[in-house]
Amino acid sequence: MAKPHEITRKFEQLSPNMELLDKLWHKYGLEYIRTRLRAIRLLWQGYSRQEVIETLDIGHSTIIRWMRLLVEYGVDVGLRRLATPKKAPKSGKLSQQQQAA
Protein backbone atom coordinates (compact mmCIF):
# COMPACT_ATOMS: atom_id res chain seq x y z
CA MET A 1 0.00 0.00 0.00
CA ALA A 2 1.32 3.41 -0.95
CA LYS A 3 2.35 5.80 1.79
CA PRO A 4 0.47 9.12 2.27
CA HIS A 5 3.27 11.21 0.72
CA GLU A 6 3.29 8.91 -2.34
CA ILE A 7 -0.50 9.25 -2.68
CA THR A 8 -0.15 13.04 -2.40
CA ARG A 9 2.55 13.14 -5.06
CA LYS A 10 0.51 11.00 -7.46
CA PHE A 11 -2.66 12.98 -6.69
CA GLU A 12 -0.88 16.24 -7.55
CA GLN A 13 0.00 14.82 -10.98
CA LEU A 14 -3.66 14.16 -11.84
CA SER A 15 -5.53 16.50 -14.17
CA PRO A 16 -8.48 18.01 -12.29
CA ASN A 17 -11.96 17.63 -13.79
CA MET A 18 -13.83 20.56 -12.28
CA GLU A 19 -16.68 20.14 -14.75
CA LEU A 20 -17.46 16.61 -13.49
CA LEU A 21 -16.93 17.69 -9.88
CA ASP A 22 -19.46 20.51 -10.34
CA LYS A 23 -21.92 18.16 -12.05
CA LEU A 24 -21.70 15.66 -9.17
CA TRP A 25 -21.97 18.51 -6.64
CA HIS A 26 -25.30 19.60 -8.13
CA LYS A 27 -26.57 16.04 -8.55
CA TYR A 28 -26.02 14.98 -4.94
CA GLY A 29 -27.18 17.17 -2.07
CA LEU A 30 -26.13 14.75 0.66
CA GLU A 31 -23.76 16.53 3.02
CA TYR A 32 -21.27 13.67 3.37
CA ILE A 33 -20.91 13.47 -0.42
CA ARG A 34 -20.50 17.22 -0.68
CA THR A 35 -17.80 17.14 2.02
CA ARG A 36 -15.85 14.60 -0.05
CA LEU A 37 -16.19 16.70 -3.20
CA ARG A 38 -15.35 19.90 -1.30
CA ALA A 39 -12.15 18.28 -0.03
CA ILE A 40 -11.05 17.34 -3.54
CA ARG A 41 -11.95 20.80 -4.84
CA LEU A 42 -9.86 22.48 -2.13
CA LEU A 43 -6.89 20.23 -2.89
CA TRP A 44 -7.19 21.07 -6.59
CA GLN A 45 -7.33 24.77 -5.67
CA GLY A 46 -3.94 24.47 -3.98
CA TYR A 47 -4.84 23.98 -0.35
CA SER A 48 -2.60 21.63 1.60
CA ARG A 49 -3.89 18.37 3.04
CA GLN A 50 -3.58 19.84 6.54
CA GLU A 51 -5.56 22.95 5.60
CA VAL A 52 -8.35 20.81 4.13
CA ILE A 53 -8.38 18.56 7.21
CA GLU A 54 -8.75 21.60 9.49
CA THR A 55 -11.25 23.43 7.27
CA LEU A 56 -13.60 20.48 6.84
CA ASP A 57 -12.90 18.84 10.22
CA ILE A 58 -12.08 15.44 8.70
CA GLY A 59 -9.50 12.85 9.62
CA HIS A 60 -6.06 12.47 8.08
CA SER A 61 -6.72 8.89 6.98
CA THR A 62 -10.05 9.94 5.48
CA ILE A 63 -8.57 12.47 3.09
CA ILE A 64 -5.82 10.04 2.11
CA ARG A 65 -8.48 7.41 1.37
CA TRP A 66 -10.38 9.85 -0.87
CA MET A 67 -7.21 10.90 -2.68
CA ARG A 68 -6.22 7.23 -3.13
CA LEU A 69 -9.55 6.58 -4.88
CA LEU A 70 -8.71 9.15 -7.53
CA VAL A 71 -5.13 7.93 -7.88
CA GLU A 72 -6.14 4.26 -8.22
CA TYR A 73 -9.24 4.64 -10.41
CA GLY A 74 -8.46 7.83 -12.29
CA VAL A 75 -10.11 11.21 -11.85
CA ASP A 76 -13.49 10.52 -13.50
CA VAL A 77 -14.15 7.10 -11.99
CA GLY A 78 -12.69 8.17 -8.64
CA LEU A 79 -14.97 11.22 -8.43
CA ARG A 80 -17.99 9.09 -9.29
CA ARG A 81 -17.04 6.59 -6.58
CA LEU A 82 -16.67 9.41 -4.05
CA ALA A 83 -20.14 10.65 -4.98
CA THR A 84 -21.82 7.25 -4.77
CA PRO A 85 -24.40 7.34 -1.97
CA LYS A 86 -24.04 4.80 0.81
CA LYS A 87 -26.34 1.86 0.39
CA ALA A 88 -28.98 1.63 3.10
CA PRO A 89 -29.31 -1.80 4.65
CA LYS A 90 -32.24 -3.67 3.19
CA SER A 91 -35.02 -4.36 5.59
CA GLY A 92 -35.58 -8.04 6.03
CA LYS A 93 -38.60 -9.90 7.22
CA LEU A 94 -39.78 -9.24 10.72
CA SER A 95 -38.79 -11.79 13.30
CA GLN A 96 -41.55 -13.69 15.07
CA GLN A 97 -41.04 -11.48 18.13
CA GLN A 98 -41.39 -8.35 16.03
CA GLN A 99 -44.51 -9.72 14.33
CA ALA A 100 -46.05 -10.57 17.68
CA ALA A 101 -45.41 -7.06 18.96
PDB file of N, CA and C in Angstrom:
ATOM      1  N   MET A   1       0.845  -1.181   0.000  1.00  0.00           N
ATOM      2  CA  MET A   1       0.000   0.000   0.000  1.00  0.00           C
ATOM      3  C   MET A   1       0.890   1.245   0.000  1.00  0.00           C
ATOM      4  N   ALA A   2       0.522   2.202  -0.826  1.00  0.00           N
ATOM      5  CA  ALA A   2       1.321   3.412  -0.951  1.00  0.00           C
ATOM      6  C   ALA A   2       1.221   4.271   0.305  1.00  0.00           C
ATOM      7  N   LYS A   3       2.306   4.934   0.621  1.00  0.00           N
ATOM      8  CA  LYS A   3       2.348   5.801   1.789  1.00  0.00           C
ATOM      9  C   LYS A   3       1.652   7.135   1.458  1.00  0.00           C
ATOM     10  N   PRO A   4       1.188   7.855   2.503  1.00  0.00           N
ATOM     11  CA  PRO A   4       0.469   9.118   2.273  1.00  0.00           C
ATOM     12  C   PRO A   4       1.210  10.102   1.374  1.00  0.00           C
ATOM     13  N   HIS A   5       2.546  10.237   1.554  1.00  0.00           N
ATOM     14  CA  HIS A   5       3.268  11.207   0.721  1.00  0.00           C
ATOM     15  C   HIS A   5       3.316  10.744  -0.739  1.00  0.00           C
ATOM     16  N   GLU A   6       3.319   9.422  -0.962  1.00  0.00           N
ATOM     17  CA  GLU A   6       3.286   8.909  -2.338  1.00  0.00           C
ATOM     18  C   GLU A   6       1.920   9.171  -2.971  1.00  0.00           C
ATOM     19  N   ILE A   7       0.863   8.969  -2.195  1.00  0.00           N
ATOM     20  CA  ILE A   7      -0.496   9.251  -2.682  1.00  0.00           C
ATOM     21  C   ILE A   7      -0.612  10.732  -3.025  1.00  0.00           C
ATOM     22  N   THR A   8      -0.092  11.598  -2.155  1.00  0.00           N
ATOM     23  CA  THR A   8      -0.154  13.039  -2.397  1.00  0.00           C
ATOM     24  C   THR A   8       0.584  13.404  -3.679  1.00  0.00           C
ATOM     25  N   ARG A   9       1.769  12.839  -3.861  1.00  0.00           N
ATOM     26  CA  ARG A   9       2.555  13.144  -5.060  1.00  0.00           C
ATOM     27  C   ARG A   9       1.809  12.712  -6.323  1.00  0.00           C
ATOM     28  N   LYS A  10       1.254  11.505  -6.300  1.00  0.00           N
ATOM     29  CA  LYS A  10       0.511  11.001  -7.462  1.00  0.00           C
ATOM     30  C   LYS A  10      -0.769  11.803  -7.680  1.00  0.00           C
ATOM     31  N   PHE A  11      -1.438  12.189  -6.588  1.00  0.00           N
ATOM     32  CA  PHE A  11      -2.660  12.982  -6.686  1.00  0.00           C
ATOM     33  C   PHE A  11      -2.369  14.323  -7.360  1.00  0.00           C
ATOM     34  N   GLU A  12      -1.246  14.930  -6.986  1.00  0.00           N
ATOM     35  CA  GLU A  12      -0.884  16.238  -7.549  1.00  0.00           C
ATOM     36  C   GLU A  12      -0.590  16.167  -9.043  1.00  0.00           C
ATOM     37  N   GLN A  13      -0.292  14.981  -9.549  1.00  0.00           N
ATOM     38  CA  GLN A  13      -0.002  14.815 -10.976  1.00  0.00           C
ATOM     39  C   GLN A  13      -1.277  14.600 -11.803  1.00  0.00           C
ATOM     40  N   LEU A  14      -2.403  14.377 -11.126  1.00  0.00           N
ATOM     41  CA  LEU A  14      -3.664  14.161 -11.843  1.00  0.00           C
ATOM     42  C   LEU A  14      -4.158  15.461 -12.466  1.00  0.00           C
ATOM     43  N   SER A  15      -4.909  15.329 -13.543  1.00  0.00           N
ATOM     44  CA  SER A  15      -5.532  16.497 -14.171  1.00  0.00           C
ATOM     45  C   SER A  15      -6.921  16.679 -13.572  1.00  0.00           C
ATOM     46  N   PRO A  16      -7.164  17.779 -12.898  1.00  0.00           N
ATOM     47  CA  PRO A  16      -8.481  18.008 -12.291  1.00  0.00           C
ATOM     48  C   PRO A  16      -9.602  18.035 -13.328  1.00  0.00           C
ATOM     49  N   ASN A  17     -10.768  17.558 -12.945  1.00  0.00           N
ATOM     50  CA  ASN A  17     -11.955  17.630 -13.791  1.00  0.00           C
ATOM     51  C   ASN A  17     -13.024  18.386 -13.010  1.00  0.00           C
ATOM     52  N   MET A  18     -12.902  19.713 -13.027  1.00  0.00           N
ATOM     53  CA  MET A  18     -13.828  20.562 -12.276  1.00  0.00           C
ATOM     54  C   MET A  18     -15.246  20.462 -12.830  1.00  0.00           C
ATOM     55  N   GLU A  19     -15.358  20.237 -14.125  1.00  0.00           N
ATOM     56  CA  GLU A  19     -16.682  20.140 -14.746  1.00  0.00           C
ATOM     57  C   GLU A  19     -17.456  18.954 -14.158  1.00  0.00           C
ATOM     58  N   LEU A  20     -16.814  17.791 -14.077  1.00  0.00           N
ATOM     59  CA  LEU A  20     -17.461  16.615 -13.495  1.00  0.00           C
ATOM     60  C   LEU A  20     -17.712  16.830 -12.006  1.00  0.00           C
ATOM     61  N   LEU A  21     -16.758  17.424 -11.307  1.00  0.00           N
ATOM     62  CA  LEU A  21     -16.929  17.689  -9.882  1.00  0.00           C
ATOM     63  C   LEU A  21     -18.154  18.574  -9.663  1.00  0.00           C
ATOM     64  N   ASP A  22     -18.306  19.623 -10.461  1.00  0.00           N
ATOM     65  CA  ASP A  22     -19.463  20.515 -10.340  1.00  0.00           C
ATOM     66  C   ASP A  22     -20.765  19.768 -10.650  1.00  0.00           C
ATOM     67  N   LYS A  23     -20.736  18.938 -11.661  1.00  0.00           N
ATOM     68  CA  LYS A  23     -21.925  18.156 -12.048  1.00  0.00           C
ATOM     69  C   LYS A  23     -22.356  17.250 -10.895  1.00  0.00           C
ATOM     70  N   LEU A  24     -21.395  16.556 -10.285  1.00  0.00           N
ATOM     71  CA  LEU A  24     -21.700  15.664  -9.172  1.00  0.00           C
ATOM     72  C   LEU A  24     -22.179  16.456  -7.955  1.00  0.00           C
ATOM     73  N   TRP A  25     -21.588  17.632  -7.751  1.00  0.00           N
ATOM     74  CA  TRP A  25     -21.974  18.507  -6.642  1.00  0.00           C
ATOM     75  C   TRP A  25     -23.459  18.848  -6.733  1.00  0.00           C
ATOM     76  N   HIS A  26     -23.905  19.204  -7.943  1.00  0.00           N
ATOM     77  CA  HIS A  26     -25.299  19.600  -8.133  1.00  0.00           C
ATOM     78  C   HIS A  26     -26.249  18.408  -8.121  1.00  0.00           C
ATOM     79  N   LYS A  27     -25.732  17.245  -8.502  1.00  0.00           N
ATOM     80  CA  LYS A  27     -26.574  16.043  -8.551  1.00  0.00           C
ATOM     81  C   LYS A  27     -26.864  15.500  -7.156  1.00  0.00           C
ATOM     82  N   TYR A  28     -25.886  15.569  -6.268  1.00  0.00           N
ATOM     83  CA  TYR A  28     -26.024  14.983  -4.937  1.00  0.00           C
ATOM     84  C   TYR A  28     -26.005  16.059  -3.864  1.00  0.00           C
ATOM     85  N   GLY A  29     -27.087  16.169  -3.132  1.00  0.00           N
ATOM     86  CA  GLY A  29     -27.175  17.169  -2.068  1.00  0.00           C
ATOM     87  C   GLY A  29     -26.814  16.634  -0.699  1.00  0.00           C
ATOM     88  N   LEU A  30     -26.472  15.346  -0.627  1.00  0.00           N
ATOM     89  CA  LEU A  30     -26.131  14.753   0.665  1.00  0.00           C
ATOM     90  C   LEU A  30     -24.845  15.384   1.199  1.00  0.00           C
ATOM     91  N   GLU A  31     -24.884  15.784   2.453  1.00  0.00           N
ATOM     92  CA  GLU A  31     -23.765  16.532   3.021  1.00  0.00           C
ATOM     93  C   GLU A  31     -22.463  15.746   3.032  1.00  0.00           C
ATOM     94  N   TYR A  32     -22.518  14.443   3.324  1.00  0.00           N
ATOM     95  CA  TYR A  32     -21.275  13.671   3.372  1.00  0.00           C
ATOM     96  C   TYR A  32     -20.641  13.543   1.983  1.00  0.00           C
ATOM     97  N   ILE A  33     -21.458  13.510   0.947  1.00  0.00           N
ATOM     98  CA  ILE A  33     -20.911  13.472  -0.417  1.00  0.00           C
ATOM     99  C   ILE A  33     -20.312  14.831  -0.758  1.00  0.00           C
ATOM    100  N   ARG A  34     -21.010  15.878  -0.394  1.00  0.00           N
ATOM    101  CA  ARG A  34     -20.505  17.223  -0.679  1.00  0.00           C
ATOM    102  C   ARG A  34     -19.207  17.509   0.072  1.00  0.00           C
ATOM    103  N   THR A  35     -19.051  16.953   1.262  1.00  0.00           N
ATOM    104  CA  THR A  35     -17.800  17.136   2.019  1.00  0.00           C
ATOM    105  C   THR A  35     -16.649  16.486   1.261  1.00  0.00           C
ATOM    106  N   ARG A  36     -16.881  15.296   0.736  1.00  0.00           N
ATOM    107  CA  ARG A  36     -15.850  14.604  -0.051  1.00  0.00           C
ATOM    108  C   ARG A  36     -15.456  15.441  -1.265  1.00  0.00           C
ATOM    109  N   LEU A  37     -16.470  15.912  -1.994  1.00  0.00           N
ATOM    110  CA  LEU A  37     -16.190  16.700  -3.198  1.00  0.00           C
ATOM    111  C   LEU A  37     -15.534  18.029  -2.846  1.00  0.00           C
ATOM    112  N   ARG A  38     -15.947  18.633  -1.747  1.00  0.00           N
ATOM    113  CA  ARG A  38     -15.353  19.902  -1.297  1.00  0.00           C
ATOM    114  C   ARG A  38     -13.873  19.700  -0.977  1.00  0.00           C
ATOM    115  N   ALA A  39     -13.547  18.570  -0.360  1.00  0.00           N
ATOM    116  CA  ALA A  39     -12.147  18.281  -0.027  1.00  0.00           C
ATOM    117  C   ALA A  39     -11.299  18.195  -1.292  1.00  0.00           C
ATOM    118  N   ILE A  40     -11.793  17.477  -2.282  1.00  0.00           N
ATOM    119  CA  ILE A  40     -11.047  17.339  -3.543  1.00  0.00           C
ATOM    120  C   ILE A  40     -10.914  18.693  -4.227  1.00  0.00           C
ATOM    121  N   ARG A  41     -11.996  19.468  -4.221  1.00  0.00           N
ATOM    122  CA  ARG A  41     -11.955  20.803  -4.845  1.00  0.00           C
ATOM    123  C   ARG A  41     -10.885  21.672  -4.181  1.00  0.00           C
ATOM    124  N   LEU A  42     -10.853  21.671  -2.850  1.00  0.00           N
ATOM    125  CA  LEU A  42      -9.865  22.483  -2.132  1.00  0.00           C
ATOM    126  C   LEU A  42      -8.444  22.037  -2.456  1.00  0.00           C
ATOM    127  N   LEU A  43      -8.227  20.731  -2.524  1.00  0.00           N
ATOM    128  CA  LEU A  43      -6.893  20.229  -2.888  1.00  0.00           C
ATOM    129  C   LEU A  43      -6.509  20.702  -4.283  1.00  0.00           C
ATOM    130  N   TRP A  44      -7.456  20.634  -5.214  1.00  0.00           N
ATOM    131  CA  TRP A  44      -7.186  21.073  -6.589  1.00  0.00           C
ATOM    132  C   TRP A  44      -6.969  22.585  -6.657  1.00  0.00           C
ATOM    133  N   GLN A  45      -7.512  23.311  -5.694  1.00  0.00           N
ATOM    134  CA  GLN A  45      -7.328  24.769  -5.666  1.00  0.00           C
ATOM    135  C   GLN A  45      -6.027  25.169  -4.982  1.00  0.00           C
ATOM    136  N   GLY A  46      -5.251  24.174  -4.536  1.00  0.00           N
ATOM    137  CA  GLY A  46      -3.942  24.470  -3.980  1.00  0.00           C
ATOM    138  C   GLY A  46      -3.832  24.433  -2.473  1.00  0.00           C
ATOM    139  N   TYR A  47      -4.911  24.098  -1.799  1.00  0.00           N
ATOM    140  CA  TYR A  47      -4.840  23.984  -0.347  1.00  0.00           C
ATOM    141  C   TYR A  47      -4.037  22.737   0.019  1.00  0.00           C
ATOM    142  N   SER A  48      -3.357  22.790   1.140  1.00  0.00           N
ATOM    143  CA  SER A  48      -2.597  21.629   1.604  1.00  0.00           C
ATOM    144  C   SER A  48      -3.554  20.623   2.240  1.00  0.00           C
ATOM    145  N   ARG A  49      -3.079  19.395   2.378  1.00  0.00           N
ATOM    146  CA  ARG A  49      -3.890  18.373   3.043  1.00  0.00           C
ATOM    147  C   ARG A  49      -4.288  18.837   4.430  1.00  0.00           C
ATOM    148  N   GLN A  50      -3.317  19.395   5.177  1.00  0.00           N
ATOM    149  CA  GLN A  50      -3.581  19.837   6.543  1.00  0.00           C
ATOM    150  C   GLN A  50      -4.635  20.946   6.575  1.00  0.00           C
ATOM    151  N   GLU A  51      -4.567  21.876   5.642  1.00  0.00           N
ATOM    152  CA  GLU A  51      -5.559  22.954   5.595  1.00  0.00           C
ATOM    153  C   GLU A  51      -6.966  22.395   5.341  1.00  0.00           C
ATOM    154  N   VAL A  52      -7.055  21.416   4.451  1.00  0.00           N
ATOM    155  CA  VAL A  52      -8.353  20.806   4.131  1.00  0.00           C
ATOM    156  C   VAL A  52      -8.884  20.045   5.346  1.00  0.00           C
ATOM    157  N   ILE A  53      -8.004  19.313   6.016  1.00  0.00           N
ATOM    158  CA  ILE A  53      -8.380  18.562   7.214  1.00  0.00           C
ATOM    159  C   ILE A  53      -8.958  19.511   8.265  1.00  0.00           C
ATOM    160  N   GLU A  54      -8.300  20.628   8.480  1.00  0.00           N
ATOM    161  CA  GLU A  54      -8.747  21.597   9.490  1.00  0.00           C
ATOM    162  C   GLU A  54     -10.011  22.326   9.052  1.00  0.00           C
ATOM    163  N   THR A  55     -10.091  22.694   7.776  1.00  0.00           N
ATOM    164  CA  THR A  55     -11.249  23.432   7.268  1.00  0.00           C
ATOM    165  C   THR A  55     -12.518  22.589   7.330  1.00  0.00           C
ATOM    166  N   LEU A  56     -12.415  21.328   6.930  1.00  0.00           N
ATOM    167  CA  LEU A  56     -13.601  20.475   6.840  1.00  0.00           C
ATOM    168  C   LEU A  56     -13.788  19.578   8.065  1.00  0.00           C
ATOM    169  N   ASP A  57     -12.841  19.649   9.009  1.00  0.00           N
ATOM    170  CA  ASP A  57     -12.904  18.836  10.223  1.00  0.00           C
ATOM    171  C   ASP A  57     -13.050  17.348   9.882  1.00  0.00           C
ATOM    172  N   ILE A  58     -12.105  16.858   9.079  1.00  0.00           N
ATOM    173  CA  ILE A  58     -12.081  15.444   8.698  1.00  0.00           C
ATOM    174  C   ILE A  58     -10.760  14.833   9.158  1.00  0.00           C
ATOM    175  N   GLY A  59     -10.694  13.535   9.171  1.00  0.00           N
ATOM    176  CA  GLY A  59      -9.499  12.848   9.622  1.00  0.00           C
ATOM    177  C   GLY A  59      -8.435  12.742   8.545  1.00  0.00           C
ATOM    178  N   HIS A  60      -7.199  12.611   8.991  1.00  0.00           N
ATOM    179  CA  HIS A  60      -6.062  12.471   8.077  1.00  0.00           C
ATOM    180  C   HIS A  60      -6.222  11.245   7.187  1.00  0.00           C
ATOM    181  N   SER A  61      -6.581  10.121   7.778  1.00  0.00           N
ATOM    182  CA  SER A  61      -6.716   8.894   6.981  1.00  0.00           C
ATOM    183  C   SER A  61      -7.882   8.989   6.008  1.00  0.00           C
ATOM    184  N   THR A  62      -8.890   9.766   6.359  1.00  0.00           N
ATOM    185  CA  THR A  62     -10.051   9.936   5.481  1.00  0.00           C
ATOM    186  C   THR A  62      -9.661  10.639   4.191  1.00  0.00           C
ATOM    187  N   ILE A  63      -8.942  11.733   4.305  1.00  0.00           N
ATOM    188  CA  ILE A  63      -8.567  12.472   3.090  1.00  0.00           C
ATOM    189  C   ILE A  63      -7.607  11.658   2.225  1.00  0.00           C
ATOM    190  N   ILE A  64      -6.726  10.909   2.865  1.00  0.00           N
ATOM    191  CA  ILE A  64      -5.815  10.043   2.110  1.00  0.00           C
ATOM    192  C   ILE A  64      -6.616   8.985   1.361  1.00  0.00           C
ATOM    193  N   ARG A  65      -7.635   8.418   2.012  1.00  0.00           N
ATOM    194  CA  ARG A  65      -8.476   7.405   1.367  1.00  0.00           C
ATOM    195  C   ARG A  65      -9.187   7.992   0.144  1.00  0.00           C
ATOM    196  N   TRP A  66      -9.695   9.210   0.262  1.00  0.00           N
ATOM    197  CA  TRP A  66     -10.378   9.847  -0.867  1.00  0.00           C
ATOM    198  C   TRP A  66      -9.402  10.153  -2.000  1.00  0.00           C
ATOM    199  N   MET A  67      -8.223  10.618  -1.655  1.00  0.00           N
ATOM    200  CA  MET A  67      -7.206  10.902  -2.675  1.00  0.00           C
ATOM    201  C   MET A  67      -6.782   9.606  -3.362  1.00  0.00           C
ATOM    202  N   ARG A  68      -6.630   8.534  -2.578  1.00  0.00           N
ATOM    203  CA  ARG A  68      -6.218   7.234  -3.126  1.00  0.00           C
ATOM    204  C   ARG A  68      -7.231   6.740  -4.164  1.00  0.00           C
ATOM    205  N   LEU A  69      -8.523   6.980  -3.918  1.00  0.00           N
ATOM    206  CA  LEU A  69      -9.549   6.579  -4.885  1.00  0.00           C
ATOM    207  C   LEU A  69      -9.287   7.201  -6.254  1.00  0.00           C
ATOM    208  N   LEU A  70      -8.966   8.478  -6.265  1.00  0.00           N
ATOM    209  CA  LEU A  70      -8.715   9.153  -7.535  1.00  0.00           C
ATOM    210  C   LEU A  70      -7.422   8.678  -8.182  1.00  0.00           C
ATOM    211  N   VAL A  71      -6.417   8.410  -7.360  1.00  0.00           N
ATOM    212  CA  VAL A  71      -5.134   7.927  -7.885  1.00  0.00           C
ATOM    213  C   VAL A  71      -5.308   6.528  -8.486  1.00  0.00           C
ATOM    214  N   GLU A  72      -6.008   5.650  -7.774  1.00  0.00           N
ATOM    215  CA  GLU A  72      -6.140   4.264  -8.219  1.00  0.00           C
ATOM    216  C   GLU A  72      -7.106   4.086  -9.383  1.00  0.00           C
ATOM    217  N   TYR A  73      -8.208   4.835  -9.389  1.00  0.00           N
ATOM    218  CA  TYR A  73      -9.235   4.639 -10.410  1.00  0.00           C
ATOM    219  C   TYR A  73      -9.233   5.691 -11.510  1.00  0.00           C
ATOM    220  N   GLY A  74      -8.437   6.726 -11.342  1.00  0.00           N
ATOM    221  CA  GLY A  74      -8.465   7.831 -12.292  1.00  0.00           C
ATOM    222  C   GLY A  74      -9.446   8.885 -11.795  1.00  0.00           C
ATOM    223  N   VAL A  75      -9.319  10.078 -12.334  1.00  0.00           N
ATOM    224  CA  VAL A  75     -10.115  11.210 -11.851  1.00  0.00           C
ATOM    225  C   VAL A  75     -11.610  10.974 -12.030  1.00  0.00           C
ATOM    226  N   ASP A  76     -12.051  10.623 -13.228  1.00  0.00           N
ATOM    227  CA  ASP A  76     -13.486  10.520 -13.498  1.00  0.00           C
ATOM    228  C   ASP A  76     -14.140   9.411 -12.683  1.00  0.00           C
ATOM    229  N   VAL A  77     -13.574   8.228 -12.735  1.00  0.00           N
ATOM    230  CA  VAL A  77     -14.149   7.096 -11.989  1.00  0.00           C
ATOM    231  C   VAL A  77     -14.023   7.349 -10.484  1.00  0.00           C
ATOM    232  N   GLY A  78     -12.900   7.879 -10.053  1.00  0.00           N
ATOM    233  CA  GLY A  78     -12.691   8.171  -8.639  1.00  0.00           C
ATOM    234  C   GLY A  78     -13.702   9.165  -8.105  1.00  0.00           C
ATOM    235  N   LEU A  79     -13.968  10.234  -8.855  1.00  0.00           N
ATOM    236  CA  LEU A  79     -14.975  11.216  -8.432  1.00  0.00           C
ATOM    237  C   LEU A  79     -16.350  10.572  -8.336  1.00  0.00           C
ATOM    238  N   ARG A  80     -16.681   9.755  -9.314  1.00  0.00           N
ATOM    239  CA  ARG A  80     -17.992   9.085  -9.286  1.00  0.00           C
ATOM    240  C   ARG A  80     -18.110   8.147  -8.085  1.00  0.00           C
ATOM    241  N   ARG A  81     -17.018   7.485  -7.758  1.00  0.00           N
ATOM    242  CA  ARG A  81     -17.039   6.593  -6.580  1.00  0.00           C
ATOM    243  C   ARG A  81     -17.191   7.398  -5.295  1.00  0.00           C
ATOM    244  N   LEU A  82     -16.528   8.552  -5.221  1.00  0.00           N
ATOM    245  CA  LEU A  82     -16.673   9.415  -4.045  1.00  0.00           C
ATOM    246  C   LEU A  82     -18.113   9.901  -3.886  1.00  0.00           C
ATOM    247  N   ALA A  83     -18.784  10.101  -5.010  1.00  0.00           N
ATOM    248  CA  ALA A  83     -20.142  10.652  -4.982  1.00  0.00           C
ATOM    249  C   ALA A  83     -21.222   9.579  -4.922  1.00  0.00           C
ATOM    250  N   THR A  84     -20.827   8.318  -4.845  1.00  0.00           N
ATOM    251  CA  THR A  84     -21.816   7.249  -4.773  1.00  0.00           C
ATOM    252  C   THR A  84     -22.428   7.220  -3.375  1.00  0.00           C
ATOM    253  N   PRO A  85     -23.757   7.377  -3.295  1.00  0.00           N
ATOM    254  CA  PRO A  85     -24.396   7.338  -1.975  1.00  0.00           C
ATOM    255  C   PRO A  85     -24.203   5.989  -1.293  1.00  0.00           C
ATOM    256  N   LYS A  86     -24.145   6.036   0.034  1.00  0.00           N
ATOM    257  CA  LYS A  86     -24.042   4.801   0.814  1.00  0.00           C
ATOM    258  C   LYS A  86     -25.319   4.003   0.605  1.00  0.00           C
ATOM    259  N   LYS A  87     -25.170   2.701   0.543  1.00  0.00           N
ATOM    260  CA  LYS A  87     -26.340   1.857   0.393  1.00  0.00           C
ATOM    261  C   LYS A  87     -26.969   1.619   1.765  1.00  0.00           C
ATOM    262  N   ALA A  88     -28.261   1.879   1.845  1.00  0.00           N
ATOM    263  CA  ALA A  88     -28.978   1.633   3.104  1.00  0.00           C
ATOM    264  C   ALA A  88     -29.194   0.133   3.253  1.00  0.00           C
ATOM    265  N   PRO A  89     -29.072  -0.366   4.457  1.00  0.00           N
ATOM    266  CA  PRO A  89     -29.308  -1.805   4.649  1.00  0.00           C
ATOM    267  C   PRO A  89     -30.744  -2.144   4.282  1.00  0.00           C
ATOM    268  N   LYS A  90     -30.903  -3.254   3.600  1.00  0.00           N
ATOM    269  CA  LYS A  90     -32.238  -3.673   3.193  1.00  0.00           C
ATOM    270  C   LYS A  90     -32.975  -4.210   4.410  1.00  0.00           C
ATOM    271  N   SER A  91     -34.239  -3.851   4.465  1.00  0.00           N
ATOM    272  CA  SER A  91     -35.015  -4.362   5.591  1.00  0.00           C
ATOM    273  C   SER A  91     -35.445  -5.784   5.276  1.00  0.00           C
ATOM    274  N   GLY A  92     -35.218  -6.645   6.214  1.00  0.00           N
ATOM    275  CA  GLY A  92     -35.582  -8.045   6.031  1.00  0.00           C
ATOM    276  C   GLY A  92     -36.966  -8.297   6.601  1.00  0.00           C
ATOM    277  N   LYS A  93     -37.317  -9.530   6.654  1.00  0.00           N
ATOM    278  CA  LYS A  93     -38.603  -9.903   7.224  1.00  0.00           C
ATOM    279  C   LYS A  93     -38.553  -9.664   8.731  1.00  0.00           C
ATOM    280  N   LEU A  94     -39.711  -9.410   9.279  1.00  0.00           N
ATOM    281  CA  LEU A  94     -39.780  -9.243  10.721  1.00  0.00           C
ATOM    282  C   LEU A  94     -39.608 -10.589  11.406  1.00  0.00           C
ATOM    283  N   SER A  95     -38.922 -10.569  12.517  1.00  0.00           N
ATOM    284  CA  SER A  95     -38.785 -11.794  13.300  1.00  0.00           C
ATOM    285  C   SER A  95     -40.143 -12.114  13.916  1.00  0.00           C
ATOM    286  N   GLN A  96     -40.287 -13.311  14.442  1.00  0.00           N
ATOM    287  CA  GLN A  96     -41.551 -13.693  15.072  1.00  0.00           C
ATOM    288  C   GLN A  96     -41.872 -12.770  16.249  1.00  0.00           C
ATOM    289  N   GLN A  97     -40.838 -12.390  16.992  1.00  0.00           N
ATOM    290  CA  GLN A  97     -41.039 -11.480  18.132  1.00  0.00           C
ATOM    291  C   GLN A  97     -41.552 -10.119  17.647  1.00  0.00           C
ATOM    292  N   GLN A  98     -40.960  -9.637  16.551  1.00  0.00           N
ATOM    293  CA  GLN A  98     -41.386  -8.345  16.028  1.00  0.00           C
ATOM    294  C   GLN A  98     -42.821  -8.427  15.508  1.00  0.00           C
ATOM    295  N   GLN A  99     -43.150  -9.556  14.845  1.00  0.00           N
ATOM    296  CA  GLN A  99     -44.512  -9.717  14.326  1.00  0.00           C
ATOM    297  C   GLN A  99     -45.521  -9.758  15.469  1.00  0.00           C
ATOM    298  N   ALA A 100     -45.143 -10.441  16.545  1.00  0.00           N
ATOM    299  CA  ALA A 100     -46.050 -10.570  17.681  1.00  0.00           C
ATOM    300  C   ALA A 100     -46.300  -9.212  18.347  1.00  0.00           C
ATOM    301  N   ALA A 101     -45.283  -8.374  18.345  1.00  0.00           N
ATOM    302  CA  ALA A 101     -45.412  -7.059  18.959  1.00  0.00           C
ATOM    303  C   ALA A 101     -46.343  -6.220  18.125  1.00  0.00           C
TER     304      ALA A 101
END
